[in-house]
Amino acid sequence: MLMILASLKDFTSDLDRVKRMVRLFGMVNGGPDFRDYPKVIDGASDFVCELWGPEFGQHARTAIGAGGLPHDIVVEINGEFEIVDG
């Protein structure tokens, strides 16, 4: 999530232009018996809600498990944000 925020800051030049988070999509690379994918993505969701509060940090979310992700990464997430013109 920190990498997404860094990219967002580069794009907007000021995180104050972020009005709210709209959606978070997360994929977790796990073994066949692992079922706690949502708990892994909870960290990103909780961080955003803490950062922008419940009014602007609350978002739609998808958390899925994958049998493999590119370059054997453990977690891949992307976020959609509403940006205020500035």
Protein backbone atom coordinates (compact mmCIF):
# COMPACT_ATOMS: atom_id res chain seq x y z
CA MET A 1 0.00 0.00 0.00
CA LEU A 2 2.91 2.32 0.70
CA MET A 3 4.14 1.86 -2.87
CA ILE A 4 0.69 2.73 -4.21
CA LEU A 5 0.64 5.89 -2.09
CA ALA A 6 4.11 6.84 -3.32
CA SER A 7 2.95 6.45 -6.93
CA LEU A 8 -0.20 8.41 -6.14
CA LYS A 9 1.88 11.23 -4.66
CA ASP A 10 4.10 11.27 -7.77
CA PHE A 11 0.99 11.48 -9.95
CA THR A 12 -0.86 14.14 -7.94
CA SER A 13 2.20 15.90 -6.42
CA ASP A 14 0.07 16.31 -3.28
CA LEU A 15 -1.85 13.58 -1.44
CA ASP A 16 -4.31 16.26 -0.30
CA ARG A 17 -5.75 16.00 -3.82
CA VAL A 18 -6.95 12.48 -3.03
CA LYS A 19 -10.63 12.79 -2.16
CA ARG A 20 -11.21 9.14 -1.31
CA MET A 21 -10.30 5.57 -2.05
CA VAL A 22 -12.91 3.90 -4.25
CA ARG A 23 -11.74 0.31 -4.60
CA LEU A 24 -8.93 -2.02 -3.55
CA PHE A 25 -8.18 -5.25 -5.41
CA GLY A 26 -5.74 -7.72 -3.88
CA MET A 27 -4.34 -11.08 -4.90
CA VAL A 28 -2.41 -13.28 -2.49
CA ASN A 29 -0.06 -16.05 -3.60
CA GLY A 30 -0.81 -19.00 -1.32
CA GLY A 31 -0.66 -22.75 -1.05
CA PRO A 32 -3.66 -25.01 -1.64
CA ASP A 33 -4.62 -25.14 2.07
CA PHE A 34 -4.32 -21.41 2.76
CA ARG A 35 -7.71 -19.66 3.04
CA ASP A 36 -6.98 -16.42 4.91
CA TYR A 37 -6.56 -14.23 1.82
CA PRO A 38 -8.87 -11.51 3.16
CA LYS A 39 -6.79 -11.21 6.34
CA VAL A 40 -3.68 -10.49 4.26
CA ILE A 41 -5.41 -7.71 2.31
CA ASP A 42 -6.94 -6.33 5.54
CA GLY A 43 -3.60 -4.63 6.25
CA ALA A 44 -3.90 -2.39 3.19
CA SER A 45 -7.59 -1.68 3.80
CA ASP A 46 -7.05 -0.88 7.47
CA PHE A 47 -4.13 1.43 6.64
CA VAL A 48 -6.20 3.44 4.15
CA CYS A 49 -9.11 3.73 6.60
CA GLU A 50 -6.70 4.98 9.27
CA LEU A 51 -5.08 7.44 6.88
CA TRP A 52 -8.25 9.02 5.46
CA GLY A 53 -10.77 8.05 8.13
CA PRO A 54 -13.98 6.07 7.67
CA GLU A 55 -15.69 8.68 5.49
CA PHE A 56 -12.99 8.85 2.78
CA GLY A 57 -11.02 5.67 3.45
CA GLN A 58 -13.94 3.21 3.28
CA HIS A 59 -13.86 1.39 -0.05
CA ALA A 60 -15.10 -1.58 -2.04
CA ARG A 61 -12.68 -4.47 -1.90
CA THR A 62 -11.81 -7.77 -3.50
CA ALA A 63 -9.36 -10.26 -1.98
CA ILE A 64 -8.60 -13.45 -3.87
CA GLY A 65 -6.10 -16.26 -3.64
CA ALA A 66 -3.82 -17.26 -6.48
CA GLY A 67 -1.77 -20.36 -7.07
CA GLY A 68 1.01 -18.16 -8.42
CA LEU A 69 1.73 -14.52 -9.20
CA PRO A 70 4.28 -12.97 -11.58
CA HIS A 71 7.91 -13.24 -10.41
CA ASP A 72 6.68 -15.30 -7.43
CA ILE A 73 5.56 -12.17 -5.55
CA VAL A 74 3.47 -12.81 -2.45
CA VAL A 75 0.87 -10.05 -2.75
CA GLU A 76 -0.30 -7.85 -5.60
CA ILE A 77 -2.72 -5.01 -4.97
CA ASN A 78 -4.12 -2.12 -6.94
CA GLY A 79 -6.25 0.77 -5.82
CA GLU A 80 -8.67 3.15 -7.45
CA PHE A 81 -8.89 6.68 -6.06
CA GLU A 82 -10.99 9.76 -6.63
CA ILE A 83 -8.75 12.76 -7.28
CA VAL A 84 -9.75 16.42 -6.91
CA ASP A 85 -8.63 18.77 -9.72
CA GLY A 86 -5.91 21.01 -8.50
